[in-house]
């Protein structure tokens, strides 16, 4: 598996022996998505390592998945939507009213 240059806990693979997939490692959660060959390979490795894990869930249009306070939905057009309603509730405006900023030359932006 190859780690992302952006996030070393995000790994991807595209290999004829183990399939294509992406794996995300979190503190107490692991999320992976891929083709059947990749999913089967991950399941074998988890069992071989004696790693305890929850039953795998399959994302379908009728079965969304909640992961790390995110809600993942498969839309009928095949797109995948991630919403974070709990996070959105914590966002607040920085300033209620418009604000003029003064640059280093005294001009207003």
PDB file of N, CA and C in Angstrom:
ATOM      1  N   UNK A   1       0.841  -1.173   0.000  1.00  0.00           N
ATOM      2  CA  UNK A   1       0.000   0.000   0.000  1.00  0.00           C
ATOM      3  C   UNK A   1       0.888   1.239   0.000  1.00  0.00           C
ATOM      4  N   UNK A   2       0.405   2.267  -0.648  1.00  0.00           N
ATOM      5  CA  UNK A   2       1.168   3.505  -0.787  1.00  0.00           C
ATOM      6  C   UNK A   2       0.496   4.608   0.031  1.00  0.00           C
ATOM      7  N   UNK A   3       1.227   5.221   0.987  1.00  0.00           N
ATOM      8  CA  UNK A   3       0.630   6.321   1.750  1.00  0.00           C
ATOM      9  C   UNK A   3       0.482   7.571   0.890  1.00  0.00           C
ATOM     10  N   UNK A   4      -0.524   8.352   1.198  1.00  0.00           N
ATOM     11  CA  UNK A   4      -0.750   9.627   0.520  1.00  0.00           C
ATOM     12  C   UNK A   4       0.338  10.607   0.926  1.00  0.00           C
ATOM     13  N   UNK A   5       0.736  11.482   0.015  1.00  0.00           N
ATOM     14  CA  UNK A   5       1.715  12.510   0.370  1.00  0.00           C
ATOM     15  C   UNK A   5       1.081  13.562   1.267  1.00  0.00           C
ATOM     16  N   UNK A   6      -0.243  13.647   1.260  1.00  0.00           N
ATOM     17  CA  UNK A   6      -0.973  14.615   2.076  1.00  0.00           C
ATOM     18  C   UNK A   6      -1.214  14.084   3.487  1.00  0.00           C
ATOM     19  N   UNK A   7      -1.522  12.787   3.598  1.00  0.00           N
ATOM     20  CA  UNK A   7      -1.890  12.200   4.889  1.00  0.00           C
ATOM     21  C   UNK A   7      -1.361  10.771   4.936  1.00  0.00           C
ATOM     22  N   UNK A   8      -0.390  10.506   5.807  1.00  0.00           N
ATOM     23  CA  UNK A   8       0.215   9.177   5.865  1.00  0.00           C
ATOM     24  C   UNK A   8      -0.731   8.106   6.407  1.00  0.00           C
ATOM     25  N   UNK A   9      -1.872   8.506   6.943  1.00  0.00           N
ATOM     26  CA  UNK A   9      -2.868   7.543   7.417  1.00  0.00           C
ATOM     27  C   UNK A   9      -3.892   7.206   6.332  1.00  0.00           C
ATOM     28  N   UNK A  10      -3.684   7.730   5.139  1.00  0.00           N
ATOM     29  CA  UNK A  10      -4.539   7.430   3.996  1.00  0.00           C
ATOM     30  C   UNK A  10      -3.683   6.677   2.987  1.00  0.00           C
ATOM     31  N   UNK A  11      -4.037   5.412   2.759  1.00  0.00           N
ATOM     32  CA  UNK A  11      -3.227   4.557   1.897  1.00  0.00           C
ATOM     33  C   UNK A  11      -4.052   4.060   0.717  1.00  0.00           C
ATOM     34  N   UNK A  12      -3.380   3.801  -0.390  1.00  0.00           N
ATOM     35  CA  UNK A  12      -4.084   3.278  -1.560  1.00  0.00           C
ATOM     36  C   UNK A  12      -3.271   2.154  -2.178  1.00  0.00           C
ATOM     37  N   UNK A  13      -3.966   1.325  -2.947  1.00  0.00           N
ATOM     38  CA  UNK A  13      -3.311   0.214  -3.631  1.00  0.00           C
ATOM     39  C   UNK A  13      -4.026  -0.050  -4.946  1.00  0.00           C
ATOM     40  N   UNK A  14      -3.255  -0.427  -5.937  1.00  0.00           N
ATOM     41  CA  UNK A  14      -3.789  -0.905  -7.210  1.00  0.00           C
ATOM     42  C   UNK A  14      -2.824  -1.985  -7.668  1.00  0.00           C
ATOM     43  N   UNK A  15      -3.183  -3.233  -7.365  1.00  0.00           N
ATOM     44  CA  UNK A  15      -2.297  -4.360  -7.601  1.00  0.00           C
ATOM     45  C   UNK A  15      -3.136  -5.539  -8.078  1.00  0.00           C
ATOM     46  N   UNK A  16      -2.754  -6.196  -9.179  1.00  0.00           N
ATOM     47  CA  UNK A  16      -3.557  -7.311  -9.686  1.00  0.00           C
ATOM     48  C   UNK A  16      -3.764  -8.437  -8.667  1.00  0.00           C
ATOM     49  N   UNK A  17      -2.800  -8.621  -7.735  1.00  0.00           N
ATOM     50  CA  UNK A  17      -2.930  -9.702  -6.750  1.00  0.00           C
ATOM     51  C   UNK A  17      -3.914  -9.375  -5.634  1.00  0.00           C
ATOM     52  N   UNK A  18      -3.962  -8.106  -5.207  1.00  0.00           N
ATOM     53  CA  UNK A  18      -4.838  -7.768  -4.073  1.00  0.00           C
ATOM     54  C   UNK A  18      -5.938  -6.782  -4.411  1.00  0.00           C
ATOM     55  N   UNK A  19      -6.031  -6.342  -5.654  1.00  0.00           N
ATOM     56  CA  UNK A  19      -7.136  -5.483  -6.067  1.00  0.00           C
ATOM     57  C   UNK A  19      -6.830  -4.003  -5.942  1.00  0.00           C
ATOM     58  N   UNK A  20      -7.905  -3.210  -6.024  1.00  0.00           N
ATOM     59  CA  UNK A  20      -7.801  -1.750  -5.932  1.00  0.00           C
ATOM     60  C   UNK A  20      -8.587  -1.272  -4.727  1.00  0.00           C
ATOM     61  N   UNK A  21      -7.986  -0.352  -3.968  1.00  0.00           N
ATOM     62  CA  UNK A  21      -8.702   0.154  -2.815  1.00  0.00           C
ATOM     63  C   UNK A  21      -7.993   1.298  -2.123  1.00  0.00           C
ATOM     64  N   UNK A  22      -8.712   1.876  -1.180  1.00  0.00           N
ATOM     65  CA  UNK A  22      -8.209   2.973  -0.350  1.00  0.00           C
ATOM     66  C   UNK A  22      -8.519   2.622   1.095  1.00  0.00           C
ATOM     67  N   UNK A  23      -7.580   2.889   1.988  1.00  0.00           N
ATOM     68  CA  UNK A  23      -7.740   2.588   3.402  1.00  0.00           C
ATOM     69  C   UNK A  23      -7.417   3.833   4.208  1.00  0.00           C
ATOM     70  N   UNK A  24      -8.270   4.150   5.172  1.00  0.00           N
ATOM     71  CA  UNK A  24      -8.052   5.298   6.053  1.00  0.00           C
ATOM     72  C   UNK A  24      -7.918   4.792   7.483  1.00  0.00           C
ATOM     73  N   UNK A  25      -6.814   5.124   8.122  1.00  0.00           N
ATOM     74  CA  UNK A  25      -6.576   4.726   9.509  1.00  0.00           C
ATOM     75  C   UNK A  25      -6.874   5.908  10.422  1.00  0.00           C
ATOM     76  N   UNK A  26      -7.673   5.667  11.429  1.00  0.00           N
ATOM     77  CA  UNK A  26      -7.984   6.680  12.427  1.00  0.00           C
ATOM     78  C   UNK A  26      -7.524   6.140  13.778  1.00  0.00           C
ATOM     79  N   UNK A  27      -7.686   6.907  14.828  1.00  0.00           N
ATOM     80  CA  UNK A  27      -7.241   6.477  16.154  1.00  0.00           C
ATOM     81  C   UNK A  27      -7.892   5.160  16.554  1.00  0.00           C
ATOM     82  N   UNK A  28      -9.197   5.089  16.450  1.00  0.00           N
ATOM     83  CA  UNK A  28      -9.884   3.858  16.843  1.00  0.00           C
ATOM     84  C   UNK A  28     -10.825   3.346  15.752  1.00  0.00           C
ATOM     85  N   UNK A  29     -10.624   3.772  14.524  1.00  0.00           N
ATOM     86  CA  UNK A  29     -11.457   3.350  13.404  1.00  0.00           C
ATOM     87  C   UNK A  29     -10.595   3.120  12.173  1.00  0.00           C
ATOM     88  N   UNK A  30     -11.019   2.185  11.363  1.00  0.00           N
ATOM     89  CA  UNK A  30     -10.410   1.967  10.061  1.00  0.00           C
ATOM     90  C   UNK A  30     -11.528   1.913   9.051  1.00  0.00           C
ATOM     91  N   UNK A  31     -11.338   2.594   7.945  1.00  0.00           N
ATOM     92  CA  UNK A  31     -12.358   2.631   6.902  1.00  0.00           C
ATOM     93  C   UNK A  31     -11.681   2.275   5.597  1.00  0.00           C
ATOM     94  N   UNK A  32     -12.213   1.275   4.898  1.00  0.00           N
ATOM     95  CA  UNK A  32     -11.643   0.991   3.593  1.00  0.00           C
ATOM     96  C   UNK A  32     -12.728   0.763   2.564  1.00  0.00           C
ATOM     97  N   UNK A  33     -12.367   1.089   1.341  1.00  0.00           N
ATOM     98  CA  UNK A  33     -13.286   0.969   0.217  1.00  0.00           C
ATOM     99  C   UNK A  33     -12.486   0.405  -0.952  1.00  0.00           C
ATOM    100  N   UNK A  34     -13.101  -0.485  -1.706  1.00  0.00           N
ATOM    101  CA  UNK A  34     -12.377  -1.052  -2.835  1.00  0.00           C
ATOM    102  C   UNK A  34     -13.184  -2.093  -3.569  1.00  0.00           C
ATOM    103  N   UNK A  35     -12.517  -2.738  -4.517  1.00  0.00           N
ATOM    104  CA  UNK A  35     -13.184  -3.802  -5.251  1.00  0.00           C
ATOM    105  C   UNK A  35     -13.227  -5.069  -4.390  1.00  0.00           C
ATOM    106  N   UNK A  36     -13.950  -6.087  -4.860  1.00  0.00           N
ATOM    107  CA  UNK A  36     -14.145  -7.309  -4.066  1.00  0.00           C
ATOM    108  C   UNK A  36     -12.818  -7.968  -3.700  1.00  0.00           C
ATOM    109  N   UNK A  37     -11.867  -7.994  -4.628  1.00  0.00           N
ATOM    110  CA  UNK A  37     -10.569  -8.616  -4.372  1.00  0.00           C
ATOM    111  C   UNK A  37      -9.853  -7.909  -3.219  1.00  0.00           C
ATOM    112  N   UNK A  38      -9.904  -6.579  -3.199  1.00  0.00           N
ATOM    113  CA  UNK A  38      -9.266  -5.805  -2.130  1.00  0.00           C
ATOM    114  C   UNK A  38      -9.954  -6.053  -0.789  1.00  0.00           C
ATOM    115  N   UNK A  39     -11.285  -6.031  -0.782  1.00  0.00           N
ATOM    116  CA  UNK A  39     -12.036  -6.246   0.461  1.00  0.00           C
ATOM    117  C   UNK A  39     -11.726  -7.630   1.026  1.00  0.00           C
ATOM    118  N   UNK A  40     -11.737  -8.656   0.172  1.00  0.00           N
ATOM    119  CA  UNK A  40     -11.428 -10.017   0.624  1.00  0.00           C
ATOM    120  C   UNK A  40     -10.004 -10.107   1.161  1.00  0.00           C
ATOM    121  N   UNK A  41      -9.062  -9.436   0.503  1.00  0.00           N
ATOM    122  CA  UNK A  41      -7.667  -9.431   0.943  1.00  0.00           C
ATOM    123  C   UNK A  41      -7.529  -8.777   2.317  1.00  0.00           C
ATOM    124  N   UNK A  42      -8.208  -7.649   2.523  1.00  0.00           N
ATOM    125  CA  UNK A  42      -8.164  -6.967   3.821  1.00  0.00           C
ATOM    126  C   UNK A  42      -8.759  -7.839   4.918  1.00  0.00           C
ATOM    127  N   UNK A  43      -9.867  -8.510   4.621  1.00  0.00           N
ATOM    128  CA  UNK A  43     -10.496  -9.403   5.602  1.00  0.00           C
ATOM    129  C   UNK A  43      -9.532 -10.524   5.999  1.00  0.00           C
ATOM    130  N   UNK A  44      -8.856 -11.133   5.019  1.00  0.00           N
ATOM    131  CA  UNK A  44      -7.892 -12.202   5.311  1.00  0.00           C
ATOM    132  C   UNK A  44      -6.772 -11.694   6.207  1.00  0.00           C
ATOM    133  N   UNK A  45      -6.233 -10.511   5.881  1.00  0.00           N
ATOM    134  CA  UNK A  45      -5.127  -9.954   6.666  1.00  0.00           C
ATOM    135  C   UNK A  45      -5.561  -9.614   8.093  1.00  0.00           C
ATOM    136  N   UNK A  46      -6.770  -9.096   8.258  1.00  0.00           N
ATOM    137  CA  UNK A  46      -7.281  -8.796   9.601  1.00  0.00           C
ATOM    138  C   UNK A  46      -7.393 -10.070  10.429  1.00  0.00           C
ATOM    139  N   UNK A  47      -7.922 -11.134   9.823  1.00  0.00           N
ATOM    140  CA  UNK A  47      -8.055 -12.409  10.541  1.00  0.00           C
ATOM    141  C   UNK A  47      -6.690 -12.997  10.859  1.00  0.00           C
ATOM    142  N   UNK A  48      -5.759 -12.942   9.890  1.00  0.00           N
ATOM    143  CA  UNK A  48      -4.425 -13.492  10.095  1.00  0.00           C
ATOM    144  C   UNK A  48      -3.707 -12.775  11.239  1.00  0.00           C
ATOM    145  N   UNK A  49      -3.919 -11.473  11.370  1.00  0.00           N
ATOM    146  CA  UNK A  49      -3.273 -10.682  12.421  1.00  0.00           C
ATOM    147  C   UNK A  49      -4.021 -10.770  13.748  1.00  0.00           C
ATOM    148  N   UNK A  50      -5.122 -11.532  13.766  1.00  0.00           N
ATOM    149  CA  UNK A  50      -5.960 -11.656  14.964  1.00  0.00           C
ATOM    150  C   UNK A  50      -6.462 -10.288  15.423  1.00  0.00           C
ATOM    151  N   UNK A  51      -6.756  -9.437  14.470  1.00  0.00           N
ATOM    152  CA  UNK A  51      -7.200  -8.072  14.727  1.00  0.00           C
ATOM    153  C   UNK A  51      -8.711  -8.063  14.859  1.00  0.00           C
ATOM    154  N   UNK A  52      -9.204  -7.592  15.995  1.00  0.00           N
ATOM    155  CA  UNK A  52     -10.651  -7.543  16.201  1.00  0.00           C
ATOM    156  C   UNK A  52     -11.232  -6.362  15.440  1.00  0.00           C
ATOM    157  N   UNK A  53     -12.324  -6.614  14.750  1.00  0.00           N
ATOM    158  CA  UNK A  53     -12.965  -5.532  14.005  1.00  0.00           C
ATOM    159  C   UNK A  53     -14.470  -5.748  13.988  1.00  0.00           C
ATOM    160  N   UNK A  54     -15.167  -4.668  13.746  1.00  0.00           N
ATOM    161  CA  UNK A  54     -16.619  -4.762  13.615  1.00  0.00           C
ATOM    162  C   UNK A  54     -16.965  -5.474  12.320  1.00  0.00           C
ATOM    163  N   UNK A  55     -18.187  -5.953  12.257  1.00  0.00           N
ATOM    164  CA  UNK A  55     -18.682  -6.557  11.021  1.00  0.00           C
ATOM    165  C   UNK A  55     -18.621  -5.516   9.911  1.00  0.00           C
ATOM    166  N   UNK A  56     -18.213  -5.923   8.725  1.00  0.00           N
ATOM    167  CA  UNK A  56     -18.126  -4.943   7.640  1.00  0.00           C
ATOM    168  C   UNK A  56     -19.522  -4.534   7.185  1.00  0.00           C
ATOM    169  N   UNK A  57     -19.615  -3.289   6.762  1.00  0.00           N
ATOM    170  CA  UNK A  57     -20.874  -2.745   6.255  1.00  0.00           C
ATOM    171  C   UNK A  57     -20.692  -2.420   4.787  1.00  0.00           C
ATOM    172  N   UNK A  58     -21.768  -2.550   4.037  1.00  0.00           N
ATOM    173  CA  UNK A  58     -21.726  -2.222   2.619  1.00  0.00           C
ATOM    174  C   UNK A  58     -22.571  -0.988   2.364  1.00  0.00           C
ATOM    175  N   UNK A  59     -21.977  -0.004   1.727  1.00  0.00           N
ATOM    176  CA  UNK A  59     -22.669   1.231   1.381  1.00  0.00           C
ATOM    177  C   UNK A  59     -23.560   0.975   0.173  1.00  0.00           C
ATOM    178  N   UNK A  60     -24.853   1.204   0.341  1.00  0.00           N
ATOM    179  CA  UNK A  60     -25.806   1.094  -0.765  1.00  0.00           C
ATOM    180  C   UNK A  60     -26.701   2.327  -0.724  1.00  0.00           C
ATOM    181  N   UNK A  61     -27.536   2.479  -1.725  1.00  0.00           N
ATOM    182  CA  UNK A  61     -28.448   3.625  -1.738  1.00  0.00           C
ATOM    183  C   UNK A  61     -29.438   3.544  -0.584  1.00  0.00           C
ATOM    184  N   UNK A  62     -29.688   2.329  -0.085  1.00  0.00           N
ATOM    185  CA  UNK A  62     -30.634   2.161   1.022  1.00  0.00           C
ATOM    186  C   UNK A  62     -29.945   2.012   2.376  1.00  0.00           C
ATOM    187  N   UNK A  63     -28.611   1.913   2.364  1.00  0.00           N
ATOM    188  CA  UNK A  63     -27.868   1.728   3.618  1.00  0.00           C
ATOM    189  C   UNK A  63     -26.686   2.702   3.691  1.00  0.00           C
ATOM    190  N   UNK A  64     -26.907   3.920   4.239  1.00  0.00           N
ATOM    191  CA  UNK A  64     -25.789   4.850   4.446  1.00  0.00           C
ATOM    192  C   UNK A  64     -24.913   4.353   5.600  1.00  0.00           C
ATOM    193  N   UNK A  65     -23.709   4.887   5.699  1.00  0.00           N
ATOM    194  CA  UNK A  65     -22.774   4.483   6.753  1.00  0.00           C
ATOM    195  C   UNK A  65     -22.351   5.719   7.544  1.00  0.00           C
ATOM    196  N   UNK A  66     -22.338   5.587   8.870  1.00  0.00           N
ATOM    197  CA  UNK A  66     -21.821   6.644   9.738  1.00  0.00           C
ATOM    198  C   UNK A  66     -20.404   6.267  10.141  1.00  0.00           C
ATOM    199  N   UNK A  67     -19.459   7.199   9.962  1.00  0.00           N
ATOM    200  CA  UNK A  67     -18.058   6.949  10.273  1.00  0.00           C
ATOM    201  C   UNK A  67     -17.410   8.243  10.721  1.00  0.00           C
ATOM    202  N   UNK A  68     -16.780   8.208  11.895  1.00  0.00           N
ATOM    203  CA  UNK A  68     -16.062   9.375  12.430  1.00  0.00           C
ATOM    204  C   UNK A  68     -16.907  10.645  12.399  1.00  0.00           C
ATOM    205  N   UNK A  69     -18.113  10.545  12.866  1.00  0.00           N
ATOM    206  CA  UNK A  69     -19.067  11.650  12.937  1.00  0.00           C
ATOM    207  C   UNK A  69     -19.449  12.185  11.557  1.00  0.00           C
ATOM    208  N   UNK A  70     -19.194  11.390  10.529  1.00  0.00           N
ATOM    209  CA  UNK A  70     -19.614  11.748   9.174  1.00  0.00           C
ATOM    210  C   UNK A  70     -20.700  10.788   8.714  1.00  0.00           C
ATOM    211  N   UNK A  71     -21.564  11.245   7.837  1.00  0.00           N
ATOM    212  CA  UNK A  71     -22.658  10.434   7.300  1.00  0.00           C
ATOM    213  C   UNK A  71     -22.386  10.246   5.807  1.00  0.00           C
ATOM    214  N   UNK A  72     -22.129   9.008   5.388  1.00  0.00           N
ATOM    215  CA  UNK A  72     -21.752   8.705   4.011  1.00  0.00           C
ATOM    216  C   UNK A  72     -22.950   8.079   3.311  1.00  0.00           C
ATOM    217  N   UNK A  73     -23.331   8.663   2.177  1.00  0.00           N
ATOM    218  CA  UNK A  73     -24.512   8.223   1.440  1.00  0.00           C
ATOM    219  C   UNK A  73     -24.135   7.932  -0.005  1.00  0.00           C
ATOM    220  N   UNK A  74     -24.645   6.820  -0.533  1.00  0.00           N
ATOM    221  CA  UNK A  74     -24.501   6.513  -1.952  1.00  0.00           C
ATOM    222  C   UNK A  74     -25.748   7.023  -2.650  1.00  0.00           C
ATOM    223  N   UNK A  75     -25.565   7.986  -3.540  1.00  0.00           N
ATOM    224  CA  UNK A  75     -26.689   8.583  -4.257  1.00  0.00           C
ATOM    225  C   UNK A  75     -27.115   7.676  -5.411  1.00  0.00           C
ATOM    226  N   UNK A  76     -28.333   7.852  -5.892  1.00  0.00           N
ATOM    227  CA  UNK A  76     -28.839   7.002  -6.973  1.00  0.00           C
ATOM    228  C   UNK A  76     -28.074   7.195  -8.281  1.00  0.00           C
ATOM    229  N   UNK A  77     -27.382   8.320  -8.450  1.00  0.00           N
ATOM    230  CA  UNK A  77     -26.591   8.534  -9.670  1.00  0.00           C
ATOM    231  C   UNK A  77     -25.184   7.934  -9.557  1.00  0.00           C
ATOM    232  N   UNK A  78     -24.895   7.246  -8.431  1.00  0.00           N
ATOM    233  CA  UNK A  78     -23.601   6.603  -8.229  1.00  0.00           C
ATOM    234  C   UNK A  78     -22.587   7.454  -7.485  1.00  0.00           C
ATOM    235  N   UNK A  79     -22.895   8.717  -7.239  1.00  0.00           N
ATOM    236  CA  UNK A  79     -21.967   9.575  -6.499  1.00  0.00           C
ATOM    237  C   UNK A  79     -22.060   9.271  -5.000  1.00  0.00           C
ATOM    238  N   UNK A  80     -21.007   9.616  -4.282  1.00  0.00           N
ATOM    239  CA  UNK A  80     -20.956   9.390  -2.835  1.00  0.00           C
ATOM    240  C   UNK A  80     -20.917  10.747  -2.151  1.00  0.00           C
ATOM    241  N   UNK A  81     -21.785  10.922  -1.151  1.00  0.00           N
ATOM    242  CA  UNK A  81     -21.876  12.205  -0.439  1.00  0.00           C
ATOM    243  C   UNK A  81     -21.476  12.000   1.023  1.00  0.00           C
ATOM    244  N   UNK A  82     -20.638  12.901   1.526  1.00  0.00           N
ATOM    245  CA  UNK A  82     -20.240  12.896   2.934  1.00  0.00           C
ATOM    246  C   UNK A  82     -20.754  14.176   3.565  1.00  0.00           C
ATOM    247  N   UNK A  83     -21.544  14.044   4.616  1.00  0.00           N
ATOM    248  CA  UNK A  83     -22.011  15.215   5.360  1.00  0.00           C
ATOM    249  C   UNK A  83     -21.542  15.088   6.801  1.00  0.00           C
ATOM    250  N   UNK A  84     -21.278  16.219   7.423  1.00  0.00           N
ATOM    251  CA  UNK A  84     -20.814  16.251   8.806  1.00  0.00           C
ATOM    252  C   UNK A  84     -21.679  17.226   9.588  1.00  0.00           C
ATOM    253  N   UNK A  85     -22.929  16.861   9.816  1.00  0.00           N
ATOM    254  CA  UNK A  85     -23.880  17.748  10.483  1.00  0.00           C
ATOM    255  C   UNK A  85     -23.419  18.172  11.873  1.00  0.00           C
ATOM    256  N   UNK A  86     -22.839  17.251  12.643  1.00  0.00           N
ATOM    257  CA  UNK A  86     -22.380  17.605  13.991  1.00  0.00           C
ATOM    258  C   UNK A  86     -21.287  18.673  13.916  1.00  0.00           C
ATOM    259  N   UNK A  87     -20.401  18.558  12.937  1.00  0.00           N
ATOM    260  CA  UNK A  87     -19.332  19.544  12.758  1.00  0.00           C
ATOM    261  C   UNK A  87     -19.910  20.881  12.306  1.00  0.00           C
ATOM    262  N   UNK A  88     -20.867  20.840  11.397  1.00  0.00           N
ATOM    263  CA  UNK A  88     -21.464  22.081  10.894  1.00  0.00           C
ATOM    264  C   UNK A  88     -22.110  22.890  12.011  1.00  0.00           C
ATOM    265  N   UNK A  89     -22.667  22.210  13.011  1.00  0.00           N
ATOM    266  CA  UNK A  89     -23.318  22.908  14.127  1.00  0.00           C
ATOM    267  C   UNK A  89     -22.321  23.698  14.966  1.00  0.00           C
ATOM    268  N   UNK A  90     -21.041  23.344  14.904  1.00  0.00           N
ATOM    269  CA  UNK A  90     -20.028  24.044  15.706  1.00  0.00           C
ATOM    270  C   UNK A  90     -19.445  25.259  14.987  1.00  0.00           C
ATOM    271  N   UNK A  91     -19.726  25.411  13.702  1.00  0.00           N
ATOM    272  CA  UNK A  91     -19.180  26.542  12.949  1.00  0.00           C
ATOM    273  C   UNK A  91     -19.917  27.828  13.300  1.00  0.00           C
ATOM    274  N   UNK A  92     -19.164  28.916  13.425  1.00  0.00           N
ATOM    275  CA  UNK A  92     -19.751  30.223  13.734  1.00  0.00           C
ATOM    276  C   UNK A  92     -19.094  31.268  12.849  1.00  0.00           C
ATOM    277  N   UNK A  93     -19.818  32.338  12.590  1.00  0.00           N
ATOM    278  CA  UNK A  93     -19.242  33.443  11.838  1.00  0.00           C
ATOM    279  C   UNK A  93     -18.135  34.101  12.647  1.00  0.00           C
ATOM    280  N   UNK A  94     -17.078  34.495  11.988  1.00  0.00           N
ATOM    281  CA  UNK A  94     -15.987  35.183  12.664  1.00  0.00           C
ATOM    282  C   UNK A  94     -16.422  36.592  13.037  1.00  0.00           C
ATOM    283  N   UNK A  95     -17.123  37.267  12.133  1.00  0.00           N
ATOM    284  CA  UNK A  95     -17.617  38.622  12.391  1.00  0.00           C
ATOM    285  C   UNK A  95     -19.062  38.701  11.919  1.00  0.00           C
ATOM    286  N   UNK A  96     -19.923  39.228  12.760  1.00  0.00           N
ATOM    287  CA  UNK A  96     -21.339  39.349  12.410  1.00  0.00           C
ATOM    288  C   UNK A  96     -21.566  40.410  11.340  1.00  0.00           C
ATOM    289  N   UNK A  97     -20.780  41.482  11.382  1.00  0.00           N
ATOM    290  CA  UNK A  97     -20.952  42.604  10.459  1.00  0.00           C
ATOM    291  C   UNK A  97     -19.761  42.675   9.508  1.00  0.00           C
ATOM    292  N   UNK A  98     -19.952  43.256   8.311  1.00  0.00           N
ATOM    293  CA  UNK A  98     -18.815  43.455   7.401  1.00  0.00           C
ATOM    294  C   UNK A  98     -17.732  44.280   8.086  1.00  0.00           C
ATOM    295  N   UNK A  99     -16.507  44.067   7.698  1.00  0.00           N
ATOM    296  CA  UNK A  99     -15.370  44.672   8.370  1.00  0.00           C
ATOM    297  C   UNK A  99     -14.388  45.208   7.335  1.00  0.00           C
ATOM    298  N   UNK A 100     -13.941  46.461   7.496  1.00  0.00           N
ATOM    299  CA  UNK A 100     -12.915  47.026   6.620  1.00  0.00           C
ATOM    300  C   UNK A 100     -11.552  46.714   7.221  1.00  0.00           C
ATOM    301  N   UNK A 101     -10.648  46.217   6.394  1.00  0.00           N
ATOM    302  CA  UNK A 101      -9.288  45.943   6.836  1.00  0.00           C
ATOM    303  C   UNK A 101      -8.366  47.011   6.278  1.00  0.00           C
ATOM    304  N   UNK A 102      -7.390  47.422   7.060  1.00  0.00           N
ATOM    305  CA  UNK A 102      -6.426  48.434   6.624  1.00  0.00           C
ATOM    306  C   UNK A 102      -5.123  47.721   6.304  1.00  0.00           C
ATOM    307  N   UNK A 103      -4.611  47.962   5.085  1.00  0.00           N
ATOM    308  CA  UNK A 103      -3.352  47.322   4.712  1.00  0.00           C
ATOM    309  C   UNK A 103      -2.161  48.103   5.271  1.00  0.00           C
ATOM    310  N   UNK A 104      -0.948  47.633   5.013  1.00  0.00           N
ATOM    311  CA  UNK A 104       0.257  48.247   5.581  1.00  0.00           C
ATOM    312  C   UNK A 104       0.505  49.667   5.070  1.00  0.00           C
ATOM    313  N   UNK A 105      -0.142  50.075   3.982  1.00  0.00           N
ATOM    314  CA  UNK A 105       0.019  51.431   3.443  1.00  0.00           C
ATOM    315  C   UNK A 105      -1.129  52.343   3.849  1.00  0.00           C
ATOM    316  N   UNK A 106      -1.999  51.863   4.711  1.00  0.00           N
ATOM    317  CA  UNK A 106      -3.102  52.687   5.189  1.00  0.00           C
ATOM    318  C   UNK A 106      -4.352  52.619   4.330  1.00  0.00           C
ATOM    319  N   UNK A 107      -4.312  51.840   3.266  1.00  0.00           N
ATOM    320  CA  UNK A 107      -5.484  51.698   2.399  1.00  0.00           C
ATOM    321  C   UNK A 107      -6.488  50.710   2.981  1.00  0.00           C
ATOM    322  N   UNK A 108      -7.741  50.931   2.632  1.00  0.00           N
ATOM    323  CA  UNK A 108      -8.797  50.038   3.118  1.00  0.00           C
ATOM    324  C   UNK A 108      -9.042  48.951   2.075  1.00  0.00           C
ATOM    325  N   UNK A 109      -9.151  47.738   2.554  1.00  0.00           N
ATOM    326  CA  UNK A 109      -9.448  46.612   1.663  1.00  0.00           C
ATOM    327  C   UNK A 109     -10.876  46.193   1.830  1.00  0.00           C
TER     328      UNK A 109
END
